[in-house]
Amino acid sequence: MMRTATSLCAAMLTALACVIPSSAPVFAATKRTPPTAIPSKVKIQVNLVNVPFTVTNKKHQLVTGLTQNDFRVYEDGQPQTIQFFSQQTNLPLRIGVMIDTSNSIAGRLTFEQEAAIDFLDETLRSGKDKAFVVGFDQEPQVVQDYTDDTGLLAQAIQSLRSGGATALYDALYYVCKEKLMFPTTQPYLRRVIVLVSDGRDNESEHSRDEALSMAERAQATIYAISTNRSGLETRGDKVLQYLASETGGRAFHAFQASDLAESFKEISRELSSQYSLAYYPTNAARDGTFRTITIRVGKKGLHVRARRGYFAPSG
């Protein structure tokens, strides 16, 4: 019996020797090269710079119908090649509606709510755009997260109640950081904040420029509607103007309820009349620095409004 088993083992070893060449190691199949070539395809998604922008004439009227050849784009003063261009851009919108609910605007809240609801009804495209609602006084409160359901958004806006001090900069910082920072795989989204406030701040831990910097990192465009009805330009109005202009948006003054509604309608018209261009920057350094963007239009008497720049990726 022992001899039979020994003979069988010898036969099996002989058979294996015939199959595996003597020069090949038995475990050669386990020596695989790690898949290091794949990440090279990922670099494209973080390099593309997408810039929605608006063109107006001397009367501040929206100008449409221009083509790619009418524009030149520069980054830090260096000319860039426009790779993608569209008129009346169809890019998806992500809108944050921020409504000041502090004591200073208590008497105007109802008008603000009604105008904001009408704005979302007119602007949001079902299945394509989404919005969320934030009320803020001492701190921000998300009363409705992202949705394209205008009914839910309306209910959230109507639920807002006034009271408390104002932490405008903290609220803006929070919204940009927590709600508008999307993965680099989604570079085509238009990120918009509609800010309804008198621009006053007496409670924030963050400064105005810290809030602005976060808005720039989120690539958000701010449209501000001032609820100051004094007829005089206040410090708060200047704050709202600054935040809007630096991000490529626009500030409005709503002295009456009708002005408030018209301001929302103008924002809606502008969002449906924007252009969009995209380019791969010649400066490919991933150094996290702020890069300025300048868009020039070849036709006289026209003005381009766009965000002033972006933060390059780091690491």
C-alpha atoms as a PDB file:
ATOM      1  CA  MET A   1       0.000   0.000   0.000  1.00  0.00           C
ATOM      2  CA  MET A   2       2.844   2.350   0.961  1.00  0.00           C
ATOM      3  CA  ARG A   3       4.623   1.578  -2.272  1.00  0.00           C
ATOM      4  CA  THR A   4       1.496   2.275  -4.333  1.00  0.00           C
ATOM      5  CA  ALA A   5       1.017   5.717  -2.732  1.00  0.00           C
ATOM      6  CA  THR A   6       4.663   6.567  -3.287  1.00  0.00           C
ATOM      7  CA  SER A   7       4.406   5.583  -6.932  1.00  0.00           C
ATOM      8  CA  LEU A   8       1.273   7.724  -7.343  1.00  0.00           C
ATOM      9  CA  CYS A   9       2.955  10.839  -5.868  1.00  0.00           C
ATOM     10  CA  ALA A  10       5.935  10.350  -8.143  1.00  0.00           C
ATOM     11  CA  ALA A  11       3.666  10.143 -11.149  1.00  0.00           C
ATOM     12  CA  MET A  12       1.877  13.395 -10.195  1.00  0.00           C
ATOM     13  CA  LEU A  13       5.175  15.256  -9.790  1.00  0.00           C
ATOM     14  CA  THR A  14       6.323  14.008 -13.162  1.00  0.00           C
ATOM     15  CA  ALA A  15       3.095  15.282 -14.758  1.00  0.00           C
ATOM     16  CA  LEU A  16       3.499  18.732 -13.202  1.00  0.00           C
ATOM     17  CA  ALA A  17       7.052  18.948 -14.416  1.00  0.00           C
ATOM     18  CA  CYS A  18       5.797  18.425 -17.934  1.00  0.00           C
ATOM     19  CA  VAL A  19       3.260  21.232 -17.639  1.00  0.00           C
ATOM     20  CA  ILE A  20       5.455  23.869 -15.873  1.00  0.00           C
ATOM     21  CA  PRO A  21       8.733  24.705 -17.636  1.00  0.00           C
ATOM     22  CA  SER A  22      11.769  24.256 -15.401  1.00  0.00           C
ATOM     23  CA  SER A  23      12.850  27.864 -16.063  1.00  0.00           C
ATOM     24  CA  ALA A  24       9.540  29.432 -14.869  1.00  0.00           C
ATOM     25  CA  PRO A  25       8.960  30.031 -11.151  1.00  0.00           C
ATOM     26  CA  VAL A  26       5.896  28.283  -9.811  1.00  0.00           C
ATOM     27  CA  PHE A  27       4.406  31.546  -8.426  1.00  0.00           C
ATOM     28  CA  ALA A  28       5.124  33.775 -11.475  1.00  0.00           C
ATOM     29  CA  ALA A  29       1.394  34.354 -12.015  1.00  0.00           C
ATOM     30  CA  THR A  30       1.106  36.241  -8.698  1.00  0.00           C
ATOM     31  CA  LYS A  31       3.685  38.905  -9.689  1.00  0.00           C
ATOM     32  CA  ARG A  32       1.337  41.548 -11.151  1.00  0.00           C
ATOM     33  CA  THR A  33       2.170  45.173 -11.872  1.00  0.00           C
ATOM     34  CA  PRO A  34       0.045  47.577  -9.715  1.00  0.00           C
ATOM     35  CA  PRO A  35      -2.539  49.542 -11.779  1.00  0.00           C
ATOM     36  CA  THR A  36      -0.688  52.859 -11.592  1.00  0.00           C
ATOM     37  CA  ALA A  37      -1.656  54.104 -15.064  1.00  0.00           C
ATOM     38  CA  ILE A  38      -5.365  54.819 -14.297  1.00  0.00           C
ATOM     39  CA  PRO A  39      -5.105  58.087 -12.250  1.00  0.00           C
ATOM     40  CA  SER A  40      -3.722  60.015 -15.223  1.00  0.00           C
ATOM     41  CA  LYS A  41      -7.302  60.243 -16.561  1.00  0.00           C
ATOM     42  CA  VAL A  42      -8.567  61.895 -13.369  1.00  0.00           C
ATOM     43  CA  LYS A  43      -6.532  65.095 -13.803  1.00  0.00           C
ATOM     44  CA  ILE A  44      -8.925  66.455 -16.436  1.00  0.00           C
ATOM     45  CA  GLN A  45     -11.811  66.988 -14.008  1.00  0.00           C
ATOM     46  CA  VAL A  46      -9.981  69.426 -11.737  1.00  0.00           C
ATOM     47  CA  ASN A  47      -8.326  71.518 -14.461  1.00  0.00           C
ATOM     48  CA  LEU A  48     -11.379  72.694 -16.371  1.00  0.00           C
ATOM     49  CA  VAL A  49     -12.427  76.189 -15.290  1.00  0.00           C
ATOM     50  CA  ASN A  50     -16.075  76.936 -15.994  1.00  0.00           C
ATOM     51  CA  VAL A  51     -17.254  80.571 -15.868  1.00  0.00           C
ATOM     52  CA  PRO A  52     -20.900  81.620 -16.225  1.00  0.00           C
ATOM     53  CA  PHE A  53     -21.152  85.331 -17.032  1.00  0.00           C
ATOM     54  CA  THR A  54     -23.562  88.087 -17.979  1.00  0.00           C
ATOM     55  CA  VAL A  55     -23.230  90.785 -20.647  1.00  0.00           C
ATOM     56  CA  THR A  56     -24.995  94.137 -20.386  1.00  0.00           C
ATOM     57  CA  ASN A  57     -24.984  97.385 -22.378  1.00  0.00           C
ATOM     58  CA  LYS A  58     -24.594 100.954 -21.141  1.00  0.00           C
ATOM     59  CA  LYS A  59     -28.223 100.995 -20.037  1.00  0.00           C
ATOM     60  CA  HIS A  60     -27.612  97.843 -17.936  1.00  0.00           C
ATOM     61  CA  GLN A  61     -29.809  95.841 -20.276  1.00  0.00           C
ATOM     62  CA  LEU A  62     -29.032  92.165 -20.898  1.00  0.00           C
ATOM     63  CA  VAL A  63     -27.272  91.452 -24.201  1.00  0.00           C
ATOM     64  CA  THR A  64     -27.729  88.062 -25.864  1.00  0.00           C
ATOM     65  CA  GLY A  65     -26.803  86.634 -29.263  1.00  0.00           C
ATOM     66  CA  LEU A  66     -23.018  87.017 -28.975  1.00  0.00           C
ATOM     67  CA  THR A  67     -20.680  84.247 -30.107  1.00  0.00           C
ATOM     68  CA  GLN A  68     -17.446  82.752 -28.843  1.00  0.00           C
ATOM     69  CA  ASN A  69     -15.446  84.932 -31.231  1.00  0.00           C
ATOM     70  CA  ASP A  70     -16.684  88.035 -29.396  1.00  0.00           C
ATOM     71  CA  PHE A  71     -14.829  87.093 -26.214  1.00  0.00           C
ATOM     72  CA  ARG A  72     -11.294  86.695 -24.901  1.00  0.00           C
ATOM     73  CA  VAL A  73     -10.475  85.204 -21.519  1.00  0.00           C
ATOM     74  CA  TYR A  74      -7.363  85.786 -19.410  1.00  0.00           C
ATOM     75  CA  GLU A  75      -6.099  84.169 -16.233  1.00  0.00           C
ATOM     76  CA  ASP A  76      -3.711  86.291 -14.180  1.00  0.00           C
ATOM     77  CA  GLY A  77      -3.245  88.386 -17.327  1.00  0.00           C
ATOM     78  CA  GLN A  78      -2.328  85.419 -19.533  1.00  0.00           C
ATOM     79  CA  PRO A  79      -4.550  84.591 -22.536  1.00  0.00           C
ATOM     80  CA  GLN A  80      -6.418  81.292 -22.357  1.00  0.00           C
ATOM     81  CA  THR A  81      -8.020  79.180 -25.069  1.00  0.00           C
ATOM     82  CA  ILE A  82     -11.790  78.876 -24.798  1.00  0.00           C
ATOM     83  CA  GLN A  83     -12.594  75.189 -25.128  1.00  0.00           C
ATOM     84  CA  PHE A  84     -16.340  75.300 -24.506  1.00  0.00           C
ATOM     85  CA  PHE A  85     -18.854  78.099 -25.023  1.00  0.00           C
ATOM     86  CA  SER A  86     -22.620  78.414 -24.863  1.00  0.00           C
ATOM     87  CA  GLN A  87     -25.230  81.150 -25.179  1.00  0.00           C
ATOM     88  CA  GLN A  88     -28.166  81.380 -22.772  1.00  0.00           C
ATOM     89  CA  THR A  89     -26.531  78.560 -20.891  1.00  0.00           C
ATOM     90  CA  ASN A  90     -28.623  75.544 -20.021  1.00  0.00           C
ATOM     91  CA  LEU A  91     -26.331  74.493 -17.183  1.00  0.00           C
ATOM     92  CA  PRO A  92     -28.117  73.208 -14.061  1.00  0.00           C
ATOM     93  CA  LEU A  93     -28.720  75.710 -11.265  1.00  0.00           C
ATOM     94  CA  ARG A  94     -28.116  75.160  -7.583  1.00  0.00           C
ATOM     95  CA  ILE A  95     -29.742  78.080  -5.765  1.00  0.00           C
ATOM     96  CA  GLY A  96     -29.490  78.959  -2.120  1.00  0.00           C
ATOM     97  CA  VAL A  97     -32.183  81.389  -0.988  1.00  0.00           C
ATOM     98  CA  MET A  98     -30.967  83.175   2.145  1.00  0.00           C
ATOM     99  CA  ILE A  99     -33.545  85.289   3.968  1.00  0.00           C
ATOM    100  CA  ASP A 100     -32.609  87.566   6.855  1.00  0.00           C
ATOM    101  CA  THR A 101     -35.085  86.919   9.686  1.00  0.00           C
ATOM    102  CA  SER A 102     -33.502  89.208  12.272  1.00  0.00           C
ATOM    103  CA  ASN A 103     -35.433  91.889  14.140  1.00  0.00           C
ATOM    104  CA  SER A 104     -34.272  94.600  11.741  1.00  0.00           C
ATOM    105  CA  ILE A 105     -36.422  93.294   8.868  1.00  0.00           C
ATOM    106  CA  ALA A 106     -39.452  92.110  10.866  1.00  0.00           C
ATOM    107  CA  GLY A 107     -41.914  94.435   9.142  1.00  0.00           C
ATOM    108  CA  ARG A 108     -40.882  93.351   5.647  1.00  0.00           C
ATOM    109  CA  LEU A 109     -40.670  89.583   6.033  1.00  0.00           C
ATOM    110  CA  THR A 110     -44.080  88.816   4.508  1.00  0.00           C
ATOM    111  CA  PHE A 111     -43.277  90.694   1.287  1.00  0.00           C
ATOM    112  CA  GLU A 112     -39.901  88.953   1.093  1.00  0.00           C
ATOM    113  CA  GLN A 113     -41.502  85.550   1.484  1.00  0.00           C
ATOM    114  CA  GLU A 114     -44.052  86.134  -1.254  1.00  0.00           C
ATOM    115  CA  ALA A 115     -41.463  87.472  -3.711  1.00  0.00           C
ATOM    116  CA  ALA A 116     -39.045  84.609  -3.017  1.00  0.00           C
ATOM    117  CA  ILE A 117     -41.750  82.020  -3.648  1.00  0.00           C
ATOM    118  CA  ASP A 118     -42.685  83.640  -6.959  1.00  0.00           C
ATOM    119  CA  PHE A 119     -39.004  83.733  -7.929  1.00  0.00           C
ATOM    120  CA  LEU A 120     -38.522  80.007  -7.390  1.00  0.00           C
ATOM    121  CA  ASP A 121     -41.758  79.201  -9.231  1.00  0.00           C
ATOM    122  CA  GLU A 122     -40.509  81.171 -12.226  1.00  0.00           C
ATOM    123  CA  THR A 123     -36.866  80.086 -12.178  1.00  0.00           C
ATOM    124  CA  LEU A 124     -36.587  76.419 -11.206  1.00  0.00           C
ATOM    125  CA  ARG A 125     -36.727  73.855 -13.998  1.00  0.00           C
ATOM    126  CA  SER A 126     -38.097  70.570 -12.706  1.00  0.00           C
ATOM    127  CA  GLY A 127     -35.657  67.683 -12.975  1.00  0.00           C
ATOM    128  CA  LYS A 128     -32.747  70.011 -13.743  1.00  0.00           C
ATOM    129  CA  ASP A 129     -32.421  72.737 -11.105  1.00  0.00           C
ATOM    130  CA  LYS A 130     -32.550  72.501  -7.316  1.00  0.00           C
ATOM    131  CA  ALA A 131     -32.794  75.036  -4.509  1.00  0.00           C
ATOM    132  CA  PHE A 132     -32.634  75.182  -0.738  1.00  0.00           C
ATOM    133  CA  VAL A 133     -33.839  77.751   1.783  1.00  0.00           C
ATOM    134  CA  VAL A 134     -31.953  79.206   4.742  1.00  0.00           C
ATOM    135  CA  GLY A 135     -33.293  81.642   7.304  1.00  0.00           C
ATOM    136  CA  PHE A 136     -30.763  83.401   9.488  1.00  0.00           C
ATOM    137  CA  ASP A 137     -30.530  85.701  12.484  1.00  0.00           C
ATOM    138  CA  GLN A 138     -27.918  84.772  15.118  1.00  0.00           C
ATOM    139  CA  GLU A 139     -27.298  81.550  13.204  1.00  0.00           C
ATOM    140  CA  PRO A 140     -28.390  79.968   9.929  1.00  0.00           C
ATOM    141  CA  GLN A 141     -31.157  77.406   9.762  1.00  0.00           C
ATOM    142  CA  VAL A 142     -31.757  75.207   6.715  1.00  0.00           C
ATOM    143  CA  VAL A 143     -35.553  75.028   6.612  1.00  0.00           C
ATOM    144  CA  GLN A 144     -35.587  73.147   3.302  1.00  0.00           C
ATOM    145  CA  ASP A 145     -32.709  71.214   1.773  1.00  0.00           C
ATOM    146  CA  TYR A 146     -32.077  70.767  -1.945  1.00  0.00           C
ATOM    147  CA  THR A 147     -35.214  70.001  -3.946  1.00  0.00           C
ATOM    148  CA  ASP A 148     -36.880  70.937  -7.216  1.00  0.00           C
ATOM    149  CA  ASP A 149     -40.306  70.780  -5.551  1.00  0.00           C
ATOM    150  CA  THR A 150     -41.459  74.398  -5.448  1.00  0.00           C
ATOM    151  CA  GLY A 151     -44.304  73.446  -3.121  1.00  0.00           C
ATOM    152  CA  LEU A 152     -41.878  72.274  -0.445  1.00  0.00           C
ATOM    153  CA  LEU A 153     -39.733  75.357  -0.947  1.00  0.00           C
ATOM    154  CA  ALA A 154     -42.784  77.611  -0.578  1.00  0.00           C
ATOM    155  CA  GLN A 155     -43.814  75.916   2.667  1.00  0.00           C
ATOM    156  CA  ALA A 156     -40.296  76.359   4.037  1.00  0.00           C
ATOM    157  CA  ILE A 157     -40.187  80.045   3.156  1.00  0.00           C
ATOM    158  CA  GLN A 158     -43.599  80.654   4.713  1.00  0.00           C
ATOM    159  CA  SER A 159     -42.461  78.955   7.941  1.00  0.00           C
ATOM    160  CA  LEU A 160     -39.802  81.603   8.613  1.00  0.00           C
ATOM    161  CA  ARG A 161     -40.330  83.885  11.602  1.00  0.00           C
ATOM    162  CA  SER A 162     -38.404  87.022  12.526  1.00  0.00           C
ATOM    163  CA  GLY A 163     -36.404  87.698  15.684  1.00  0.00           C
ATOM    164  CA  GLY A 164     -32.882  88.011  17.029  1.00  0.00           C
ATOM    165  CA  ALA A 165     -29.615  89.664  16.063  1.00  0.00           C
ATOM    166  CA  THR A 166     -27.919  89.342  12.664  1.00  0.00           C
ATOM    167  CA  ALA A 167     -24.952  87.114  11.824  1.00  0.00           C
ATOM    168  CA  LEU A 168     -24.894  87.661   8.064  1.00  0.00           C
ATOM    169  CA  TYR A 169     -21.249  86.736   7.467  1.00  0.00           C
ATOM    170  CA  ASP A 170     -21.478  83.535   9.497  1.00  0.00           C
ATOM    171  CA  ALA A 171     -24.599  82.505   7.578  1.00  0.00           C
ATOM    172  CA  LEU A 172     -22.971  83.194   4.213  1.00  0.00           C
ATOM    173  CA  TYR A 173     -19.819  81.347   5.247  1.00  0.00           C
ATOM    174  CA  TYR A 174     -21.877  78.338   6.357  1.00  0.00           C
ATOM    175  CA  VAL A 175     -24.024  78.199   3.216  1.00  0.00           C
ATOM    176  CA  CYS A 176     -21.012  78.356   0.886  1.00  0.00           C
ATOM    177  CA  LYS A 177     -18.978  75.795   2.791  1.00  0.00           C
ATOM    178  CA  GLU A 178     -21.676  73.290   3.685  1.00  0.00           C
ATOM    179  CA  LYS A 179     -24.194  73.605   0.848  1.00  0.00           C
ATOM    180  CA  LEU A 180     -22.368  74.811  -2.279  1.00  0.00           C
ATOM    181  CA  MET A 181     -19.032  72.957  -2.187  1.00  0.00           C
ATOM    182  CA  PHE A 182     -19.559  70.251  -4.795  1.00  0.00           C
ATOM    183  CA  PRO A 183     -17.096  67.554  -5.917  1.00  0.00           C
ATOM    184  CA  THR A 184     -14.758  68.490  -8.763  1.00  0.00           C
ATOM    185  CA  THR A 185     -16.611  65.900 -10.859  1.00  0.00           C
ATOM    186  CA  GLN A 186     -19.455  68.447 -11.121  1.00  0.00           C
ATOM    187  CA  PRO A 187     -17.743  71.535 -12.588  1.00  0.00           C
ATOM    188  CA  TYR A 188     -20.685  72.594 -14.740  1.00  0.00           C
ATOM    189  CA  LEU A 189     -23.166  73.498 -12.022  1.00  0.00           C
ATOM    190  CA  ARG A 190     -24.114  77.169 -11.688  1.00  0.00           C
ATOM    191  CA  ARG A 191     -24.041  77.982  -7.985  1.00  0.00           C
ATOM    192  CA  VAL A 192     -26.158  80.950  -7.014  1.00  0.00           C
ATOM    193  CA  ILE A 193     -27.031  82.644  -3.739  1.00  0.00           C
ATOM    194  CA  VAL A 194     -30.011  84.976  -3.539  1.00  0.00           C
ATOM    195  CA  LEU A 195     -29.457  86.977  -0.373  1.00  0.00           C
ATOM    196  CA  VAL A 196     -32.325  89.071   1.027  1.00  0.00           C
ATOM    197  CA  SER A 197     -31.076  91.300   3.843  1.00  0.00           C
ATOM    198  CA  ASP A 198     -30.410  94.868   4.930  1.00  0.00           C
ATOM    199  CA  GLY A 199     -26.696  94.000   4.996  1.00  0.00           C
ATOM    200  CA  ARG A 200     -26.240  94.680   8.701  1.00  0.00           C
ATOM    201  CA  ASP A 201     -24.140  92.340  10.816  1.00  0.00           C
ATOM    202  CA  ASN A 202     -23.742  92.575  14.581  1.00  0.00           C
ATOM    203  CA  GLU A 203     -23.145  88.981  15.633  1.00  0.00           C
ATOM    204  CA  SER A 204     -20.741  87.144  13.278  1.00  0.00           C
ATOM    205  CA  GLU A 205     -17.494  85.462  14.236  1.00  0.00           C
ATOM    206  CA  HIS A 206     -16.347  85.455  10.610  1.00  0.00           C
ATOM    207  CA  SER A 207     -15.436  88.675   8.835  1.00  0.00           C
ATOM    208  CA  ARG A 208     -16.901  89.993   5.606  1.00  0.00           C
ATOM    209  CA  ASP A 209     -13.811  88.986   3.619  1.00  0.00           C
ATOM    210  CA  GLU A 210     -13.736  85.511   5.160  1.00  0.00           C
ATOM    211  CA  ALA A 211     -17.312  85.021   4.003  1.00  0.00           C
ATOM    212  CA  LEU A 212     -16.384  86.323   0.549  1.00  0.00           C
ATOM    213  CA  SER A 213     -13.381  84.008   0.341  1.00  0.00           C
ATOM    214  CA  MET A 214     -15.584  81.015   1.090  1.00  0.00           C
ATOM    215  CA  ALA A 215     -18.039  82.144  -1.591  1.00  0.00           C
ATOM    216  CA  GLU A 216     -15.150  82.300  -4.068  1.00  0.00           C
ATOM    217  CA  ARG A 217     -14.003  78.815  -3.077  1.00  0.00           C
ATOM    218  CA  ALA A 218     -17.536  77.565  -3.660  1.00  0.00           C
ATOM    219  CA  GLN A 219     -17.605  79.420  -7.020  1.00  0.00           C
ATOM    220  CA  ALA A 220     -20.909  80.977  -5.980  1.00  0.00           C
ATOM    221  CA  THR A 221     -22.470  84.041  -7.560  1.00  0.00           C
ATOM    222  CA  ILE A 222     -24.267  86.287  -5.077  1.00  0.00           C
ATOM    223  CA  TYR A 223     -27.377  88.273  -5.962  1.00  0.00           C
ATOM    224  CA  ALA A 224     -28.253  90.558  -3.067  1.00  0.00           C
ATOM    225  CA  ILE A 225     -31.557  92.324  -2.494  1.00  0.00           C
ATOM    226  CA  SER A 226     -31.340  95.109   0.061  1.00  0.00           C
ATOM    227  CA  THR A 227     -34.403  95.611   2.215  1.00  0.00           C
ATOM    228  CA  ASN A 228     -33.300  99.077   3.324  1.00  0.00           C
ATOM    229  CA  ARG A 229     -36.216 101.428   2.693  1.00  0.00           C
ATOM    230  CA  SER A 230     -34.668 104.636   4.007  1.00  0.00           C
ATOM    231  CA  GLY A 231     -33.875 105.949   0.530  1.00  0.00           C
ATOM    232  CA  LEU A 232     -30.284 106.492   1.642  1.00  0.00           C
ATOM    233  CA  GLU A 233     -27.325 104.224   0.941  1.00  0.00           C
ATOM    234  CA  THR A 234     -26.240 102.628   4.203  1.00  0.00           C
ATOM    235  CA  ARG A 235     -23.193 100.660   5.253  1.00  0.00           C
ATOM    236  CA  GLY A 236     -25.262  97.498   4.831  1.00  0.00           C
ATOM    237  CA  ASP A 237     -26.049  98.415   1.225  1.00  0.00           C
ATOM    238  CA  LYS A 238     -22.333  98.807   0.532  1.00  0.00           C
ATOM    239  CA  VAL A 239     -21.658  95.384   2.025  1.00  0.00           C
ATOM    240  CA  LEU A 240     -24.242  93.749  -0.222  1.00  0.00           C
ATOM    241  CA  GLN A 241     -22.901  95.595  -3.265  1.00  0.00           C
ATOM    242  CA  TYR A 242     -19.380  94.430  -2.472  1.00  0.00           C
ATOM    243  CA  LEU A 243     -20.329  90.775  -2.039  1.00  0.00           C
ATOM    244  CA  ALA A 244     -22.336  90.779  -5.263  1.00  0.00           C
ATOM    245  CA  SER A 245     -19.827  92.584  -7.461  1.00  0.00           C
ATOM    246  CA  GLU A 246     -16.875  90.472  -6.295  1.00  0.00           C
ATOM    247  CA  THR A 247     -18.663  87.234  -7.208  1.00  0.00           C
ATOM    248  CA  GLY A 248     -20.104  88.370 -10.543  1.00  0.00           C
ATOM    249  CA  GLY A 249     -23.608  88.993  -9.259  1.00  0.00           C
ATOM    250  CA  ARG A 250     -25.654  92.106  -8.741  1.00  0.00           C
ATOM    251  CA  ALA A 251     -27.158  94.076  -5.877  1.00  0.00           C
ATOM    252  CA  PHE A 252     -30.691  95.461  -5.909  1.00  0.00           C
ATOM    253  CA  HIS A 253     -32.443  98.025  -3.709  1.00  0.00           C
ATOM    254  CA  ALA A 254     -36.050  97.259  -2.854  1.00  0.00           C
ATOM    255  CA  PHE A 255     -37.525 100.454  -1.419  1.00  0.00           C
ATOM    256  CA  GLN A 256     -41.084  99.166  -1.844  1.00  0.00           C
ATOM    257  CA  ALA A 257     -42.773  95.784  -2.010  1.00  0.00           C
ATOM    258  CA  SER A 258     -43.117  96.129  -5.782  1.00  0.00           C
ATOM    259  CA  ASP A 259     -39.374  96.779  -6.049  1.00  0.00           C
ATOM    260  CA  LEU A 260     -38.695  93.553  -4.190  1.00  0.00           C
ATOM    261  CA  ALA A 261     -40.783  91.505  -6.618  1.00  0.00           C
ATOM    262  CA  GLU A 262     -39.174  93.187  -9.615  1.00  0.00           C
ATOM    263  CA  SER A 263     -35.691  92.491  -8.237  1.00  0.00           C
ATOM    264  CA  PHE A 264     -36.441  88.777  -8.026  1.00  0.00           C
ATOM    265  CA  LYS A 265     -37.821  88.830 -11.583  1.00  0.00           C
ATOM    266  CA  GLU A 266     -34.681  90.556 -12.847  1.00  0.00           C
ATOM    267  CA  ILE A 267     -32.502  87.882 -11.236  1.00  0.00           C
ATOM    268  CA  SER A 268     -34.605  85.183 -12.892  1.00  0.00           C
ATOM    269  CA  ARG A 269     -34.254  86.882 -16.305  1.00  0.00           C
ATOM    270  CA  GLU A 270     -30.515  87.174 -15.872  1.00  0.00           C
ATOM    271  CA  LEU A 271     -30.053  83.530 -14.927  1.00  0.00           C
ATOM    272  CA  SER A 272     -31.876  82.497 -18.105  1.00  0.00           C
ATOM    273  CA  SER A 273     -29.752  84.827 -20.264  1.00  0.00           C
ATOM    274  CA  GLN A 274     -26.235  83.983 -19.101  1.00  0.00           C
ATOM    275  CA  TYR A 275     -23.327  82.851 -21.220  1.00  0.00           C
ATOM    276  CA  SER A 276     -20.846  80.211 -20.174  1.00  0.00           C
ATOM    277  CA  LEU A 277     -17.276  79.476 -21.217  1.00  0.00           C
ATOM    278  CA  ALA A 278     -14.721  76.968 -20.029  1.00  0.00           C
ATOM    279  CA  TYR A 279     -10.980  76.584 -20.494  1.00  0.00           C
ATOM    280  CA  TYR A 280      -8.028  74.499 -19.361  1.00  0.00           C
ATOM    281  CA  PRO A 281      -5.649  76.939 -17.630  1.00  0.00           C
ATOM    282  CA  THR A 282      -2.117  77.241 -18.955  1.00  0.00           C
ATOM    283  CA  ASN A 283      -0.937  77.349 -15.350  1.00  0.00           C
ATOM    284  CA  ALA A 284      -1.366  73.726 -14.294  1.00  0.00           C
ATOM    285  CA  ALA A 285       0.242  74.124 -10.866  1.00  0.00           C
ATOM    286  CA  ARG A 286      -1.829  72.617  -8.061  1.00  0.00           C
ATOM    287  CA  ASP A 287      -0.793  75.214  -5.507  1.00  0.00           C
ATOM    288  CA  GLY A 288      -4.121  76.376  -4.073  1.00  0.00           C
ATOM    289  CA  THR A 289      -3.515  80.002  -5.064  1.00  0.00           C
ATOM    290  CA  PHE A 290      -6.195  82.468  -6.140  1.00  0.00           C
ATOM    291  CA  ARG A 291      -6.244  83.028  -9.920  1.00  0.00           C
ATOM    292  CA  THR A 292      -7.897  86.113 -11.397  1.00  0.00           C
ATOM    293  CA  ILE A 293     -10.211  85.756 -14.389  1.00  0.00           C
ATOM    294  CA  THR A 294     -10.818  88.526 -16.914  1.00  0.00           C
ATOM    295  CA  ILE A 295     -13.317  88.202 -19.764  1.00  0.00           C
ATOM    296  CA  ARG A 296     -13.182  90.859 -22.447  1.00  0.00           C
ATOM    297  CA  VAL A 297     -15.793  91.461 -25.107  1.00  0.00           C
ATOM    298  CA  GLY A 298     -14.782  92.829 -28.496  1.00  0.00           C
ATOM    299  CA  LYS A 299     -17.834  94.999 -29.093  1.00  0.00           C
ATOM    300  CA  LYS A 300     -17.830  98.532 -27.706  1.00  0.00           C
ATOM    301  CA  GLY A 301     -20.263  99.661 -25.047  1.00  0.00           C
ATOM    302  CA  LEU A 302     -20.707  96.194 -23.553  1.00  0.00           C
ATOM    303  CA  HIS A 303     -19.817  95.085 -20.043  1.00  0.00           C
ATOM    304  CA  VAL A 304     -19.072  91.570 -18.799  1.00  0.00           C
ATOM    305  CA  ARG A 305     -20.012  90.595 -15.264  1.00  0.00           C
ATOM    306  CA  ALA A 306     -18.379  87.424 -13.917  1.00  0.00           C
ATOM    307  CA  ARG A 307     -16.710  86.167 -10.766  1.00  0.00           C
ATOM    308  CA  ARG A 308     -13.288  87.703 -10.311  1.00  0.00           C
ATOM    309  CA  GLY A 309     -11.400  84.422 -10.043  1.00  0.00           C
ATOM    310  CA  TYR A 310     -11.078  81.010  -8.452  1.00  0.00           C
ATOM    311  CA  PHE A 311      -8.843  79.031  -6.135  1.00  0.00           C
ATOM    312  CA  ALA A 312      -6.655  76.501  -7.912  1.00  0.00           C
ATOM    313  CA  PRO A 313      -6.748  72.938  -6.566  1.00  0.00           C
ATOM    314  CA  SER A 314      -4.028  71.983  -4.137  1.00  0.00           C
ATOM    315  CA  GLY A 315      -2.134  68.779  -3.488  1.00  0.00           C
END
